[in-house]
């Protein structure tokens, strides 16, 4: 399976329009356009999954730089999501560590 990143999408691009472009190069299993979780508006990129690696490579070669809705697409093999470190929390710690100045008990 080939997972393909598609960047520089116009905000009006649809999953159907992206699917049509990629289907010219092989069988498309899935298309997803990433949207903002708060507004629901497209974020300008998405992913296409193609089950045949050779077809996926052909689509990447043919469509990188291709025009969709007046924008040159950035098409390449998707990289695995990087681990950004774990844990929530964050911010300042509570606690009573460290010396206190000018505080009398």
C-alpha atoms as a PDB file:
ATOM      1  CA  UNK A   1       0.000   0.000   0.000  1.00  0.00           C
ATOM      2  CA  UNK A   2       1.253   3.465  -0.902  1.00  0.00           C
ATOM      3  CA  UNK A   3       0.236   6.380   1.318  1.00  0.00           C
ATOM      4  CA  UNK A   4       0.637   9.648  -0.581  1.00  0.00           C
ATOM      5  CA  UNK A   5       0.770  13.191   0.809  1.00  0.00           C
ATOM      6  CA  UNK A   6      -0.939  15.848  -1.304  1.00  0.00           C
ATOM      7  CA  UNK A   7      -0.085  19.414  -0.333  1.00  0.00           C
ATOM      8  CA  UNK A   8      -0.958  22.901  -1.556  1.00  0.00           C
ATOM      9  CA  UNK A   9      -4.598  21.980  -2.120  1.00  0.00           C
ATOM     10  CA  UNK A  10      -7.000  24.847  -2.584  1.00  0.00           C
ATOM     11  CA  UNK A  11      -9.510  25.219   0.230  1.00  0.00           C
ATOM     12  CA  UNK A  12     -12.225  24.371  -2.291  1.00  0.00           C
ATOM     13  CA  UNK A  13     -10.688  21.040  -3.317  1.00  0.00           C
ATOM     14  CA  UNK A  14     -12.898  18.033  -2.666  1.00  0.00           C
ATOM     15  CA  UNK A  15     -12.140  14.387  -2.076  1.00  0.00           C
ATOM     16  CA  UNK A  16     -13.869  13.631  -5.387  1.00  0.00           C
ATOM     17  CA  UNK A  17     -11.689  16.046  -7.387  1.00  0.00           C
ATOM     18  CA  UNK A  18      -8.506  14.637  -5.843  1.00  0.00           C
ATOM     19  CA  UNK A  19      -9.721  11.060  -6.402  1.00  0.00           C
ATOM     20  CA  UNK A  20     -10.380  11.770 -10.095  1.00  0.00           C
ATOM     21  CA  UNK A  21      -6.817  13.050 -10.585  1.00  0.00           C
ATOM     22  CA  UNK A  22      -5.257   9.995  -8.958  1.00  0.00           C
ATOM     23  CA  UNK A  23      -7.574   7.426 -10.580  1.00  0.00           C
ATOM     24  CA  UNK A  24      -6.001   8.293 -13.923  1.00  0.00           C
ATOM     25  CA  UNK A  25      -2.900   6.505 -12.574  1.00  0.00           C
ATOM     26  CA  UNK A  26      -4.449   3.519 -10.813  1.00  0.00           C
ATOM     27  CA  UNK A  27      -6.892   2.289  -8.206  1.00  0.00           C
ATOM     28  CA  UNK A  28      -7.503   4.685  -5.331  1.00  0.00           C
ATOM     29  CA  UNK A  29      -8.499   3.059  -2.054  1.00  0.00           C
ATOM     30  CA  UNK A  30      -9.066   6.153   0.038  1.00  0.00           C
ATOM     31  CA  UNK A  31      -8.841   9.945  -0.099  1.00  0.00           C
ATOM     32  CA  UNK A  32      -8.956  12.185   2.938  1.00  0.00           C
ATOM     33  CA  UNK A  33      -8.622  15.944   3.031  1.00  0.00           C
ATOM     34  CA  UNK A  34      -7.488  17.193   6.426  1.00  0.00           C
ATOM     35  CA  UNK A  35      -9.790  19.739   8.046  1.00  0.00           C
ATOM     36  CA  UNK A  36      -9.431  22.019  11.039  1.00  0.00           C
ATOM     37  CA  UNK A  37     -11.107  20.400  14.019  1.00  0.00           C
ATOM     38  CA  UNK A  38     -12.567  23.699  15.249  1.00  0.00           C
ATOM     39  CA  UNK A  39     -13.798  25.290  12.016  1.00  0.00           C
ATOM     40  CA  UNK A  40     -14.163  22.258   9.740  1.00  0.00           C
ATOM     41  CA  UNK A  41     -12.385  24.158   6.948  1.00  0.00           C
ATOM     42  CA  UNK A  42      -9.852  22.326   4.799  1.00  0.00           C
ATOM     43  CA  UNK A  43      -6.244  22.866   5.888  1.00  0.00           C
ATOM     44  CA  UNK A  44      -4.772  22.683   2.383  1.00  0.00           C
ATOM     45  CA  UNK A  45      -3.450  19.128   2.410  1.00  0.00           C
ATOM     46  CA  UNK A  46      -4.621  15.558   2.401  1.00  0.00           C
ATOM     47  CA  UNK A  47      -3.703  11.931   1.815  1.00  0.00           C
ATOM     48  CA  UNK A  48      -4.403   9.384  -0.890  1.00  0.00           C
ATOM     49  CA  UNK A  49      -4.021   5.632  -0.390  1.00  0.00           C
ATOM     50  CA  UNK A  50      -3.336   3.398  -3.382  1.00  0.00           C
ATOM     51  CA  UNK A  51      -3.019  -0.362  -2.901  1.00  0.00           C
ATOM     52  CA  UNK A  52      -0.523  -0.888  -5.739  1.00  0.00           C
ATOM     53  CA  UNK A  53       2.906   0.617  -4.973  1.00  0.00           C
ATOM     54  CA  UNK A  54       3.886   0.918  -8.654  1.00  0.00           C
ATOM     55  CA  UNK A  55       0.674   2.815  -9.433  1.00  0.00           C
ATOM     56  CA  UNK A  56       1.298   5.033  -6.405  1.00  0.00           C
ATOM     57  CA  UNK A  57       4.828   5.812  -7.576  1.00  0.00           C
ATOM     58  CA  UNK A  58       3.512   6.596 -11.063  1.00  0.00           C
ATOM     59  CA  UNK A  59       0.879   8.935  -9.604  1.00  0.00           C
ATOM     60  CA  UNK A  60       3.495  10.740  -7.501  1.00  0.00           C
ATOM     61  CA  UNK A  61       5.769  11.218 -10.531  1.00  0.00           C
ATOM     62  CA  UNK A  62       2.933  12.415 -12.756  1.00  0.00           C
ATOM     63  CA  UNK A  63       1.079  14.652 -10.310  1.00  0.00           C
ATOM     64  CA  UNK A  64       3.821  16.408  -8.354  1.00  0.00           C
ATOM     65  CA  UNK A  65       3.577  19.982  -9.618  1.00  0.00           C
ATOM     66  CA  UNK A  66       0.303  19.319 -11.460  1.00  0.00           C
ATOM     67  CA  UNK A  67      -2.386  21.995 -11.366  1.00  0.00           C
ATOM     68  CA  UNK A  68      -5.639  21.560  -9.430  1.00  0.00           C
ATOM     69  CA  UNK A  69      -7.912  24.581  -9.030  1.00  0.00           C
ATOM     70  CA  UNK A  70      -5.090  26.916 -10.065  1.00  0.00           C
ATOM     71  CA  UNK A  71      -2.549  25.576  -7.553  1.00  0.00           C
ATOM     72  CA  UNK A  72       0.558  23.471  -8.191  1.00  0.00           C
ATOM     73  CA  UNK A  73       0.255  20.361  -6.048  1.00  0.00           C
ATOM     74  CA  UNK A  74       3.039  19.057  -3.825  1.00  0.00           C
ATOM     75  CA  UNK A  75       2.750  15.261  -4.117  1.00  0.00           C
ATOM     76  CA  UNK A  76       5.114  12.802  -2.428  1.00  0.00           C
ATOM     77  CA  UNK A  77       5.162   9.642  -0.385  1.00  0.00           C
ATOM     78  CA  UNK A  78       3.740  10.300   3.066  1.00  0.00           C
ATOM     79  CA  UNK A  79       6.171   9.930   5.937  1.00  0.00           C
ATOM     80  CA  UNK A  80       5.080   8.345   9.204  1.00  0.00           C
ATOM     81  CA  UNK A  81       3.884  10.842  11.763  1.00  0.00           C
ATOM     82  CA  UNK A  82       6.749  11.880  14.026  1.00  0.00           C
ATOM     83  CA  UNK A  83       6.508  11.247  17.732  1.00  0.00           C
ATOM     84  CA  UNK A  84       6.346  14.681  19.301  1.00  0.00           C
ATOM     85  CA  UNK A  85       7.054  13.455  22.787  1.00  0.00           C
ATOM     86  CA  UNK A  86       4.577  12.212  25.237  1.00  0.00           C
ATOM     87  CA  UNK A  87       2.465  13.379  28.013  1.00  0.00           C
ATOM     88  CA  UNK A  88       0.145  16.170  28.650  1.00  0.00           C
ATOM     89  CA  UNK A  89       0.421  18.481  31.535  1.00  0.00           C
ATOM     90  CA  UNK A  90       2.968  21.048  30.662  1.00  0.00           C
ATOM     91  CA  UNK A  91       3.087  24.566  31.861  1.00  0.00           C
ATOM     92  CA  UNK A  92       4.424  25.404  35.274  1.00  0.00           C
ATOM     93  CA  UNK A  93       4.825  22.913  37.985  1.00  0.00           C
ATOM     94  CA  UNK A  94       3.039  23.325  41.280  1.00  0.00           C
ATOM     95  CA  UNK A  95       4.984  22.095  44.247  1.00  0.00           C
ATOM     96  CA  UNK A  96       7.313  23.697  46.699  1.00  0.00           C
ATOM     97  CA  UNK A  97      10.706  23.001  45.166  1.00  0.00           C
ATOM     98  CA  UNK A  98      13.588  25.421  45.301  1.00  0.00           C
ATOM     99  CA  UNK A  99      14.555  28.208  47.680  1.00  0.00           C
ATOM    100  CA  UNK A 100      12.184  31.012  48.555  1.00  0.00           C
ATOM    101  CA  UNK A 101      13.306  34.572  48.845  1.00  0.00           C
ATOM    102  CA  UNK A 102      11.786  37.164  51.077  1.00  0.00           C
ATOM    103  CA  UNK A 103       9.162  34.774  52.314  1.00  0.00           C
ATOM    104  CA  UNK A 104       8.841  34.254  56.002  1.00  0.00           C
ATOM    105  CA  UNK A 105       6.937  31.415  57.467  1.00  0.00           C
END
